[in-house]
C-alpha cells in the first residue's frame, strides 16, 4: 500500500507525454500501477509461503484463504488512493515530500513493526482500534497468521473503500479536463 501511494505521486507527472498527445483514459495509469504492485506482492508472497512451509506448516489452512478478499479490498482502496493522490500531487508538486513523510509516520504509529497487544486503554483505542491502517493490514495479516479478521476490520475497510471511491469519483469528474494542463 505504501508503494502504491508513493508511486502515485508521480503517476500523472510521468505519463504526461502520453495523455498530452493522445486521447487517453487516465485511470488506466492507476490500474497499471496497482496491478504492477500486486504482481510484486505476489512475488514477495512466495518468500512468505516458503518460510511458512519450513518453519510452521500448520499455518497453511483454509483460514489463510480469507486473505484473498482482504487483498481484493486493499487493491480497491489502493486504486482510489492512487487516483486521488496522483491528481493532487500533479496539481501541487510539493505535496510529494509531505506524502512520503506521512507514510513514514503512519508506519510508526500503526502496529506493523510492533504487536498491538502491547497497548491497552486509551492508547489501544487511539493507535489500534481507531486507526484505519490497522484494519487494512489486519484483513490480510490475520488470515496469514492463522486467525480470522474481526468483523470490525472488514466493516471499516469496506467503508473506506466505498467512501473513498465516492470522493474520488466526484474529484476526478471535476478535475479530469484540467489534468492535461497541469502536467
N, C-alpha and C. Protein backbone atom coordinates (compact mmCIF):
# COMPACT_ATOMS: atom_id res chain seq x y z
N UNK A 1 0.83 -1.19 0.00
CA UNK A 1 0.00 0.00 0.00
C UNK A 1 0.87 1.25 0.00
N UNK A 2 1.94 1.23 0.80
CA UNK A 2 2.81 2.41 0.84
C UNK A 2 3.50 2.62 -0.50
N UNK A 3 3.84 1.55 -1.19
CA UNK A 3 4.47 1.70 -2.51
C UNK A 3 3.48 2.27 -3.52
N UNK A 4 2.25 1.84 -3.46
CA UNK A 4 1.23 2.38 -4.36
C UNK A 4 1.07 3.88 -4.13
N UNK A 5 1.01 4.27 -2.87
CA UNK A 5 0.84 5.70 -2.56
C UNK A 5 2.06 6.49 -3.00
N UNK A 6 3.25 5.97 -2.73
CA UNK A 6 4.49 6.68 -3.11
C UNK A 6 4.60 6.84 -4.62
N UNK A 7 4.33 5.77 -5.34
CA UNK A 7 4.44 5.83 -6.80
C UNK A 7 3.33 6.66 -7.42
N UNK A 8 2.19 6.76 -6.75
CA UNK A 8 1.08 7.53 -7.32
C UNK A 8 1.38 9.02 -7.35
N UNK A 9 2.32 9.47 -6.55
CA UNK A 9 2.67 10.89 -6.55
C UNK A 9 3.23 11.33 -7.90
N UNK A 10 3.88 10.42 -8.60
CA UNK A 10 4.44 10.75 -9.91
C UNK A 10 3.64 10.14 -11.06
N UNK A 11 2.49 9.60 -10.76
CA UNK A 11 1.72 8.86 -11.74
C UNK A 11 1.40 9.69 -12.98
N UNK A 12 0.83 10.84 -12.79
CA UNK A 12 0.44 11.68 -13.93
C UNK A 12 1.59 12.57 -14.41
N UNK A 13 2.57 12.79 -13.56
CA UNK A 13 3.74 13.57 -13.97
C UNK A 13 4.53 12.79 -15.01
N UNK A 14 4.74 11.51 -14.77
CA UNK A 14 5.49 10.66 -15.69
C UNK A 14 4.70 10.38 -16.96
N UNK A 15 3.40 10.23 -16.85
CA UNK A 15 2.57 9.88 -18.01
C UNK A 15 2.08 11.07 -18.81
N UNK A 16 2.60 12.26 -18.54
CA UNK A 16 2.06 13.45 -19.20
C UNK A 16 2.26 13.44 -20.72
N UNK A 17 3.36 12.88 -21.19
CA UNK A 17 3.60 12.85 -22.64
C UNK A 17 2.55 12.00 -23.35
N UNK A 18 2.09 10.98 -22.68
CA UNK A 18 1.10 10.09 -23.27
C UNK A 18 -0.25 10.77 -23.42
N UNK A 19 -0.74 11.41 -22.37
CA UNK A 19 -2.08 11.96 -22.47
C UNK A 19 -2.12 13.39 -23.00
N UNK A 20 -0.99 13.99 -23.25
CA UNK A 20 -0.99 15.29 -23.93
C UNK A 20 -1.17 15.13 -25.43
N UNK A 21 -0.72 14.01 -25.96
CA UNK A 21 -0.74 13.80 -27.40
C UNK A 21 -1.85 12.88 -27.89
N UNK A 22 -2.41 12.09 -26.98
CA UNK A 22 -3.40 11.09 -27.37
C UNK A 22 -4.60 11.20 -26.43
N UNK A 23 -5.76 10.98 -26.99
CA UNK A 23 -6.94 10.92 -26.13
C UNK A 23 -6.81 9.64 -25.30
N UNK A 24 -6.81 9.81 -24.00
CA UNK A 24 -6.38 8.72 -23.13
C UNK A 24 -7.20 8.71 -21.85
N UNK A 25 -7.56 7.54 -21.39
CA UNK A 25 -8.28 7.41 -20.12
C UNK A 25 -7.25 7.35 -19.00
N UNK A 26 -7.27 8.35 -18.13
CA UNK A 26 -6.26 8.49 -17.08
C UNK A 26 -6.27 7.34 -16.08
N UNK A 27 -7.40 6.77 -15.85
CA UNK A 27 -7.48 5.71 -14.84
C UNK A 27 -6.70 4.47 -15.24
N UNK A 28 -6.38 4.31 -16.52
CA UNK A 28 -5.58 3.17 -16.95
C UNK A 28 -4.20 3.21 -16.29
N UNK A 29 -3.65 4.40 -16.12
CA UNK A 29 -2.37 4.53 -15.43
C UNK A 29 -2.47 4.06 -13.98
N UNK A 30 -3.60 4.36 -13.36
CA UNK A 30 -3.81 3.93 -11.97
C UNK A 30 -3.90 2.42 -11.89
N UNK A 31 -4.68 1.82 -12.77
CA UNK A 31 -4.85 0.37 -12.74
C UNK A 31 -3.54 -0.34 -13.08
N UNK A 32 -2.74 0.25 -13.96
CA UNK A 32 -1.43 -0.31 -14.27
C UNK A 32 -0.54 -0.27 -13.03
N UNK A 33 -0.56 0.82 -12.30
CA UNK A 33 0.23 0.96 -11.08
C UNK A 33 -0.19 -0.07 -10.03
N UNK A 34 -1.47 -0.20 -9.81
CA UNK A 34 -1.97 -1.14 -8.81
C UNK A 34 -1.66 -2.58 -9.23
N UNK A 35 -1.85 -2.90 -10.49
CA UNK A 35 -1.58 -4.25 -10.97
C UNK A 35 -0.10 -4.59 -10.83
N UNK A 36 0.78 -3.65 -11.20
CA UNK A 36 2.22 -3.88 -11.09
C UNK A 36 2.62 -4.15 -9.64
N UNK A 37 2.08 -3.38 -8.71
CA UNK A 37 2.40 -3.58 -7.30
C UNK A 37 1.79 -4.87 -6.76
N UNK A 38 0.65 -5.29 -7.29
CA UNK A 38 0.06 -6.57 -6.90
C UNK A 38 0.96 -7.72 -7.35
N UNK A 39 1.50 -7.64 -8.55
CA UNK A 39 2.41 -8.69 -9.04
C UNK A 39 3.68 -8.74 -8.19
N UNK A 40 4.21 -7.58 -7.82
CA UNK A 40 5.38 -7.55 -6.93
C UNK A 40 5.03 -8.17 -5.59
N UNK A 41 3.83 -7.88 -5.06
CA UNK A 41 3.38 -8.50 -3.82
C UNK A 41 3.35 -10.02 -3.94
N UNK A 42 2.83 -10.52 -5.06
CA UNK A 42 2.77 -11.97 -5.24
C UNK A 42 4.16 -12.60 -5.30
N UNK A 43 5.11 -11.89 -5.91
CA UNK A 43 6.48 -12.39 -5.92
C UNK A 43 7.05 -12.43 -4.50
N UNK A 44 6.78 -11.42 -3.71
CA UNK A 44 7.25 -11.40 -2.32
C UNK A 44 6.50 -12.41 -1.47
N UNK A 45 5.29 -12.72 -1.84
CA UNK A 45 4.48 -13.68 -1.10
C UNK A 45 5.08 -15.09 -1.19
N UNK A 46 5.79 -15.36 -2.26
CA UNK A 46 6.46 -16.65 -2.40
C UNK A 46 7.44 -16.86 -1.25
N UNK A 47 8.13 -15.82 -0.84
CA UNK A 47 9.06 -15.91 0.29
C UNK A 47 8.30 -16.25 1.57
N UNK A 48 7.16 -15.59 1.81
CA UNK A 48 6.34 -15.92 2.98
C UNK A 48 5.92 -17.38 2.95
N UNK A 49 5.47 -17.82 1.80
CA UNK A 49 5.00 -19.19 1.65
C UNK A 49 6.12 -20.20 1.95
N UNK A 50 7.32 -19.96 1.44
CA UNK A 50 8.44 -20.85 1.69
C UNK A 50 8.83 -20.87 3.17
N UNK A 51 8.82 -19.71 3.81
CA UNK A 51 9.17 -19.65 5.22
C UNK A 51 8.13 -20.37 6.07
N UNK A 52 6.86 -20.21 5.73
CA UNK A 52 5.81 -20.89 6.48
C UNK A 52 5.94 -22.40 6.32
N UNK A 53 6.24 -22.86 5.13
CA UNK A 53 6.41 -24.30 4.91
C UNK A 53 7.57 -24.84 5.74
N UNK A 54 8.65 -24.08 5.83
CA UNK A 54 9.82 -24.55 6.57
C UNK A 54 9.66 -24.42 8.08
N UNK A 55 9.05 -23.33 8.55
CA UNK A 55 9.02 -23.05 9.99
C UNK A 55 7.74 -23.53 10.66
N UNK A 56 6.60 -23.19 10.08
CA UNK A 56 5.32 -23.50 10.74
C UNK A 56 4.29 -23.91 9.69
N UNK A 57 4.35 -25.14 9.20
CA UNK A 57 3.44 -25.56 8.13
C UNK A 57 1.97 -25.62 8.53
N UNK A 58 1.66 -25.61 9.82
CA UNK A 58 0.25 -25.67 10.23
C UNK A 58 -0.49 -24.36 9.96
N UNK A 59 0.22 -23.27 9.59
CA UNK A 59 -0.45 -22.02 9.22
C UNK A 59 -1.12 -22.10 7.85
N UNK A 60 -0.69 -23.07 7.06
CA UNK A 60 -1.31 -23.23 5.75
C UNK A 60 -2.60 -24.02 5.96
N UNK A 61 -3.71 -23.31 5.91
CA UNK A 61 -5.02 -23.91 6.12
C UNK A 61 -6.07 -23.13 5.35
N UNK A 62 -7.30 -23.50 5.51
CA UNK A 62 -8.38 -22.78 4.84
C UNK A 62 -8.56 -21.38 5.37
N UNK A 63 -8.12 -21.14 6.60
CA UNK A 63 -8.20 -19.79 7.18
C UNK A 63 -7.36 -18.82 6.36
N UNK A 64 -6.25 -19.28 5.83
CA UNK A 64 -5.37 -18.41 5.03
C UNK A 64 -6.06 -17.90 3.77
N UNK A 65 -7.06 -18.62 3.30
CA UNK A 65 -7.79 -18.17 2.11
C UNK A 65 -8.61 -16.91 2.38
N UNK A 66 -8.84 -16.59 3.65
CA UNK A 66 -9.57 -15.37 3.99
C UNK A 66 -8.74 -14.13 3.67
N UNK A 67 -7.46 -14.30 3.37
CA UNK A 67 -6.62 -13.17 2.98
C UNK A 67 -6.96 -12.69 1.56
N UNK A 68 -7.56 -13.54 0.76
CA UNK A 68 -7.86 -13.17 -0.63
C UNK A 68 -8.90 -12.05 -0.71
N UNK A 69 -10.06 -12.13 -0.02
CA UNK A 69 -10.97 -10.98 -0.07
C UNK A 69 -10.36 -9.73 0.58
N UNK A 70 -9.55 -9.93 1.61
CA UNK A 70 -8.88 -8.78 2.22
C UNK A 70 -7.95 -8.09 1.24
N UNK A 71 -7.22 -8.88 0.47
CA UNK A 71 -6.32 -8.33 -0.53
C UNK A 71 -7.10 -7.62 -1.63
N UNK A 72 -8.24 -8.16 -2.02
CA UNK A 72 -9.08 -7.51 -3.03
C UNK A 72 -9.58 -6.16 -2.54
N UNK A 73 -9.97 -6.09 -1.28
CA UNK A 73 -10.40 -4.80 -0.71
C UNK A 73 -9.25 -3.82 -0.70
N UNK A 74 -8.05 -4.29 -0.33
CA UNK A 74 -6.88 -3.39 -0.33
C UNK A 74 -6.54 -2.88 -1.72
N UNK A 75 -6.69 -3.71 -2.73
CA UNK A 75 -6.43 -3.27 -4.10
C UNK A 75 -7.46 -2.23 -4.53
N UNK A 76 -8.69 -2.39 -4.10
CA UNK A 76 -9.74 -1.42 -4.38
C UNK A 76 -9.42 -0.08 -3.70
N UNK A 77 -9.00 -0.15 -2.46
CA UNK A 77 -8.63 1.08 -1.74
C UNK A 77 -7.40 1.70 -2.38
N UNK A 78 -6.43 0.88 -2.75
CA UNK A 78 -5.23 1.39 -3.39
C UNK A 78 -5.51 2.11 -4.69
N UNK A 79 -6.52 1.66 -5.42
CA UNK A 79 -6.87 2.30 -6.70
C UNK A 79 -7.38 3.71 -6.50
N UNK A 80 -8.32 3.91 -5.57
CA UNK A 80 -8.83 5.27 -5.40
C UNK A 80 -7.79 6.18 -4.75
N UNK A 81 -6.98 5.62 -3.86
CA UNK A 81 -5.94 6.44 -3.23
C UNK A 81 -4.93 6.89 -4.28
N UNK A 82 -4.55 5.99 -5.18
CA UNK A 82 -3.58 6.33 -6.23
C UNK A 82 -4.14 7.39 -7.17
N UNK A 83 -5.40 7.27 -7.54
CA UNK A 83 -6.01 8.25 -8.44
C UNK A 83 -6.10 9.62 -7.77
N UNK A 84 -6.57 9.66 -6.55
CA UNK A 84 -6.72 10.93 -5.84
C UNK A 84 -5.36 11.56 -5.53
N UNK A 85 -4.45 10.74 -5.04
CA UNK A 85 -3.12 11.25 -4.72
C UNK A 85 -2.38 11.69 -5.99
N UNK A 86 -2.56 10.94 -7.07
CA UNK A 86 -1.93 11.31 -8.34
C UNK A 86 -2.41 12.66 -8.85
N UNK A 87 -3.71 12.90 -8.78
CA UNK A 87 -4.26 14.20 -9.20
C UNK A 87 -3.75 15.32 -8.30
N UNK A 88 -3.79 15.07 -7.00
CA UNK A 88 -3.40 16.10 -6.04
C UNK A 88 -1.92 16.44 -6.18
N UNK A 89 -1.07 15.42 -6.34
CA UNK A 89 0.37 15.67 -6.47
C UNK A 89 0.72 16.26 -7.83
N UNK A 90 -0.10 16.03 -8.84
CA UNK A 90 0.12 16.67 -10.13
C UNK A 90 -0.16 18.16 -10.03
N UNK A 91 -1.21 18.51 -9.35
CA UNK A 91 -1.59 19.92 -9.21
C UNK A 91 -0.64 20.66 -8.28
N UNK A 92 -0.28 20.03 -7.18
CA UNK A 92 0.61 20.64 -6.20
C UNK A 92 1.85 19.77 -6.07
N UNK A 93 2.89 20.09 -6.81
CA UNK A 93 4.07 19.23 -6.92
C UNK A 93 4.83 19.07 -5.60
N UNK A 94 4.72 20.01 -4.70
CA UNK A 94 5.46 19.94 -3.44
C UNK A 94 4.85 18.95 -2.45
N UNK A 95 3.68 18.46 -2.73
CA UNK A 95 2.98 17.57 -1.81
C UNK A 95 3.66 16.20 -1.74
N UNK A 96 4.45 15.84 -2.73
CA UNK A 96 5.08 14.53 -2.77
C UNK A 96 5.94 14.28 -1.54
N UNK A 97 6.72 15.24 -1.11
CA UNK A 97 7.55 15.04 0.09
C UNK A 97 6.69 14.94 1.35
N UNK A 98 5.57 15.66 1.38
CA UNK A 98 4.65 15.56 2.51
C UNK A 98 4.03 14.16 2.57
N UNK A 99 3.68 13.61 1.43
CA UNK A 99 3.10 12.27 1.37
C UNK A 99 4.12 11.24 1.87
N UNK A 100 5.38 11.38 1.48
CA UNK A 100 6.42 10.46 1.94
C UNK A 100 6.59 10.52 3.46
N UNK A 101 6.52 11.72 4.01
CA UNK A 101 6.63 11.88 5.46
C UNK A 101 5.43 11.26 6.17
N UNK A 102 4.24 11.47 5.64
CA UNK A 102 3.03 10.90 6.24
C UNK A 102 3.09 9.37 6.22
N UNK A 103 3.62 8.79 5.14
CA UNK A 103 3.75 7.34 5.06
C UNK A 103 4.70 6.83 6.14
N UNK A 104 5.82 7.52 6.34
CA UNK A 104 6.77 7.10 7.37
C UNK A 104 6.18 7.18 8.76
N UNK A 105 5.49 8.27 9.04
CA UNK A 105 4.88 8.43 10.37
C UNK A 105 3.79 7.39 10.59
N UNK A 106 2.97 7.15 9.57
CA UNK A 106 1.89 6.17 9.72
C UNK A 106 2.43 4.76 9.92
N UNK A 107 3.61 4.46 9.36
CA UNK A 107 4.22 3.15 9.59
C UNK A 107 4.62 3.00 11.06
N UNK A 108 5.01 4.09 11.69
CA UNK A 108 5.46 4.03 13.09
C UNK A 108 4.29 3.94 14.07
N UNK A 109 3.17 4.60 13.76
CA UNK A 109 2.06 4.61 14.71
C UNK A 109 1.05 3.49 14.47
N UNK A 110 1.24 2.74 13.41
CA UNK A 110 0.36 1.60 13.12
C UNK A 110 1.07 0.33 13.55
N UNK A 111 0.35 -0.60 14.16
CA UNK A 111 1.01 -1.83 14.61
C UNK A 111 1.44 -2.74 13.46
N UNK A 112 2.50 -2.32 12.81
CA UNK A 112 3.13 -3.13 11.77
C UNK A 112 4.44 -3.68 12.32
N UNK A 113 5.24 -2.78 12.86
CA UNK A 113 6.54 -3.16 13.40
C UNK A 113 6.48 -3.55 14.87
N UNK A 114 5.34 -3.35 15.50
CA UNK A 114 5.15 -3.70 16.91
C UNK A 114 3.79 -4.36 17.07
N UNK A 115 3.67 -5.29 18.03
CA UNK A 115 2.39 -6.01 18.20
C UNK A 115 1.33 -5.12 18.87
N UNK A 116 0.08 -5.22 18.43
CA UNK A 116 -0.97 -4.38 19.02
C UNK A 116 -1.29 -4.73 20.47
N UNK A 117 -0.86 -5.89 20.92
CA UNK A 117 -1.16 -6.33 22.28
C UNK A 117 -0.38 -5.56 23.34
N UNK A 118 0.66 -4.81 22.95
CA UNK A 118 1.45 -4.09 23.95
C UNK A 118 0.73 -2.86 24.49
N UNK A 119 -0.33 -2.43 23.83
CA UNK A 119 -1.09 -1.25 24.26
C UNK A 119 -2.38 -1.67 24.95
N UNK A 120 -2.82 -0.82 25.85
CA UNK A 120 -4.12 -1.04 26.50
C UNK A 120 -4.76 0.30 26.78
N UNK A 121 -6.04 0.28 27.08
CA UNK A 121 -6.77 1.50 27.44
C UNK A 121 -6.91 2.47 26.28
N UNK A 122 -6.69 3.75 26.59
CA UNK A 122 -6.86 4.81 25.58
C UNK A 122 -5.81 4.72 24.47
N UNK A 123 -4.61 4.26 24.81
CA UNK A 123 -3.59 4.13 23.78
C UNK A 123 -3.99 3.08 22.74
N UNK A 124 -4.55 1.98 23.20
CA UNK A 124 -5.01 0.94 22.27
C UNK A 124 -6.15 1.48 21.41
N UNK A 125 -7.05 2.22 22.02
CA UNK A 125 -8.17 2.79 21.28
C UNK A 125 -7.66 3.74 20.20
N UNK A 126 -6.69 4.60 20.53
CA UNK A 126 -6.20 5.60 19.59
C UNK A 126 -5.33 5.00 18.49
N UNK A 127 -4.40 4.12 18.86
CA UNK A 127 -3.42 3.65 17.89
C UNK A 127 -3.80 2.34 17.21
N UNK A 128 -4.80 1.64 17.73
CA UNK A 128 -5.17 0.37 17.12
C UNK A 128 -6.61 0.42 16.62
N UNK A 129 -7.55 0.54 17.52
CA UNK A 129 -8.96 0.42 17.16
C UNK A 129 -9.44 1.57 16.27
N UNK A 130 -8.96 2.78 16.48
CA UNK A 130 -9.39 3.93 15.68
C UNK A 130 -8.49 4.20 14.48
N UNK A 131 -7.51 3.35 14.28
CA UNK A 131 -6.54 3.53 13.20
C UNK A 131 -7.01 2.74 11.97
N UNK A 132 -7.41 3.41 10.90
CA UNK A 132 -7.89 2.68 9.72
C UNK A 132 -6.80 1.84 9.06
N UNK A 133 -5.55 2.25 9.18
CA UNK A 133 -4.47 1.47 8.60
C UNK A 133 -4.32 0.12 9.29
N UNK A 134 -4.58 0.09 10.58
CA UNK A 134 -4.53 -1.19 11.31
C UNK A 134 -5.55 -2.16 10.73
N UNK A 135 -6.74 -1.69 10.48
CA UNK A 135 -7.79 -2.56 9.95
C UNK A 135 -7.47 -3.02 8.53
N UNK A 136 -6.86 -2.14 7.74
CA UNK A 136 -6.48 -2.52 6.38
C UNK A 136 -5.40 -3.59 6.39
N UNK A 137 -4.48 -3.50 7.33
CA UNK A 137 -3.43 -4.51 7.43
C UNK A 137 -3.99 -5.81 8.00
N UNK A 138 -4.87 -5.68 8.97
CA UNK A 138 -5.38 -6.84 9.69
C UNK A 138 -6.20 -7.78 8.80
N UNK A 139 -6.90 -7.25 7.79
CA UNK A 139 -7.72 -8.14 6.95
C UNK A 139 -6.87 -9.05 6.06
N UNK A 140 -5.58 -8.74 5.93
CA UNK A 140 -4.69 -9.62 5.19
C UNK A 140 -3.75 -10.36 6.16
N UNK A 141 -3.27 -9.66 7.17
CA UNK A 141 -2.31 -10.26 8.09
C UNK A 141 -2.92 -11.36 8.95
N UNK A 142 -4.10 -11.14 9.49
CA UNK A 142 -4.71 -12.12 10.40
C UNK A 142 -4.89 -13.50 9.76
N UNK A 143 -5.44 -13.60 8.54
CA UNK A 143 -5.57 -14.93 7.95
C UNK A 143 -4.23 -15.62 7.69
N UNK A 144 -3.21 -14.81 7.36
CA UNK A 144 -1.90 -15.40 7.12
C UNK A 144 -1.24 -15.88 8.40
N UNK A 145 -1.73 -15.38 9.55
CA UNK A 145 -1.22 -15.83 10.84
C UNK A 145 -2.13 -16.89 11.47
N UNK A 146 -3.15 -17.32 10.73
CA UNK A 146 -3.99 -18.42 11.17
C UNK A 146 -5.23 -18.05 11.94
N UNK A 147 -5.65 -16.78 11.89
CA UNK A 147 -6.89 -16.39 12.57
C UNK A 147 -7.72 -15.51 11.64
N UNK A 148 -9.02 -15.53 11.87
CA UNK A 148 -9.92 -14.72 11.05
C UNK A 148 -9.88 -13.27 11.52
N UNK A 149 -9.93 -12.32 10.60
CA UNK A 149 -10.02 -10.92 10.99
C UNK A 149 -11.38 -10.63 11.62
N UNK A 150 -11.45 -9.59 12.40
CA UNK A 150 -12.71 -9.23 13.05
C UNK A 150 -13.68 -8.64 12.02
N UNK A 151 -14.93 -8.70 12.36
CA UNK A 151 -15.96 -8.08 11.52
C UNK A 151 -15.73 -6.58 11.43
N UNK A 152 -15.26 -5.99 12.52
CA UNK A 152 -14.98 -4.55 12.55
C UNK A 152 -13.95 -4.18 11.49
N UNK A 153 -12.92 -4.98 11.36
CA UNK A 153 -11.88 -4.69 10.36
C UNK A 153 -12.45 -4.72 8.94
N UNK A 154 -13.29 -5.71 8.66
CA UNK A 154 -13.91 -5.75 7.34
C UNK A 154 -14.86 -4.57 7.13
N UNK A 155 -15.63 -4.23 8.15
CA UNK A 155 -16.58 -3.12 8.03
C UNK A 155 -15.85 -1.80 7.80
N UNK A 156 -14.77 -1.57 8.54
CA UNK A 156 -14.01 -0.32 8.39
C UNK A 156 -13.39 -0.23 7.01
N UNK A 157 -12.78 -1.32 6.54
CA UNK A 157 -12.13 -1.25 5.23
C UNK A 157 -13.14 -1.13 4.09
N UNK A 158 -14.27 -1.79 4.21
CA UNK A 158 -15.30 -1.63 3.17
C UNK A 158 -15.86 -0.22 3.16
N UNK A 159 -16.02 0.37 4.33
CA UNK A 159 -16.48 1.75 4.42
C UNK A 159 -15.45 2.71 3.81
N UNK A 160 -14.17 2.46 4.08
CA UNK A 160 -13.11 3.28 3.50
C UNK A 160 -13.11 3.15 1.98
N UNK A 161 -13.27 1.94 1.48
CA UNK A 161 -13.29 1.72 0.03
C UNK A 161 -14.47 2.44 -0.61
N UNK A 162 -15.64 2.29 -0.02
CA UNK A 162 -16.84 2.89 -0.58
C UNK A 162 -16.78 4.42 -0.53
N UNK A 163 -16.49 4.97 0.64
CA UNK A 163 -16.43 6.43 0.79
C UNK A 163 -15.31 7.03 -0.05
N UNK A 164 -14.18 6.34 -0.11
CA UNK A 164 -13.06 6.83 -0.90
C UNK A 164 -13.36 6.88 -2.38
N UNK A 165 -14.03 5.85 -2.89
CA UNK A 165 -14.38 5.86 -4.30
C UNK A 165 -15.41 6.93 -4.64
N UNK A 166 -16.33 7.19 -3.74
CA UNK A 166 -17.30 8.26 -3.98
C UNK A 166 -16.58 9.60 -4.04
N UNK A 167 -15.71 9.88 -3.07
CA UNK A 167 -14.94 11.13 -3.05
C UNK A 167 -14.08 11.26 -4.30
N UNK A 168 -13.40 10.20 -4.65
CA UNK A 168 -12.51 10.22 -5.81
C UNK A 168 -13.28 10.39 -7.11
N UNK A 169 -14.44 9.77 -7.21
CA UNK A 169 -15.26 9.90 -8.41
C UNK A 169 -15.63 11.36 -8.66
N UNK A 170 -16.12 12.03 -7.62
CA UNK A 170 -16.51 13.43 -7.79
C UNK A 170 -15.31 14.33 -8.05
N UNK A 171 -14.20 14.08 -7.39
CA UNK A 171 -12.99 14.88 -7.63
C UNK A 171 -12.47 14.64 -9.05
N UNK A 172 -12.48 13.39 -9.48
CA UNK A 172 -11.99 13.06 -10.82
C UNK A 172 -12.88 13.67 -11.90
N UNK A 173 -14.18 13.62 -11.71
CA UNK A 173 -15.08 14.22 -12.69
C UNK A 173 -14.88 15.73 -12.78
N UNK A 174 -14.62 16.33 -11.65
CA UNK A 174 -14.45 17.79 -11.63
C UNK A 174 -13.13 18.23 -12.27
N UNK A 175 -12.05 17.49 -11.99
CA UNK A 175 -10.72 17.93 -12.42
C UNK A 175 -10.16 17.19 -13.62
N UNK A 176 -10.88 16.23 -14.14
CA UNK A 176 -10.40 15.45 -15.29
C UNK A 176 -10.02 16.32 -16.48
N UNK A 177 -10.83 17.33 -16.86
CA UNK A 177 -10.45 18.16 -18.01
C UNK A 177 -9.17 18.98 -17.78
N UNK A 178 -8.77 19.17 -16.55
CA UNK A 178 -7.60 20.01 -16.25
C UNK A 178 -6.31 19.23 -16.13
N UNK A 179 -6.39 17.92 -16.04
CA UNK A 179 -5.18 17.11 -15.80
C UNK A 179 -4.13 17.32 -16.87
N UNK A 180 -4.51 17.37 -18.12
CA UNK A 180 -3.56 17.57 -19.20
C UNK A 180 -2.86 18.92 -19.11
N UNK A 181 -3.54 19.92 -18.57
CA UNK A 181 -2.95 21.26 -18.47
C UNK A 181 -2.08 21.43 -17.23
N UNK A 182 -2.30 20.61 -16.23
CA UNK A 182 -1.49 20.69 -15.02
C UNK A 182 -0.11 20.10 -15.22
N UNK A 183 0.03 19.20 -16.19
CA UNK A 183 1.31 18.48 -16.33
C UNK A 183 2.38 19.30 -17.00
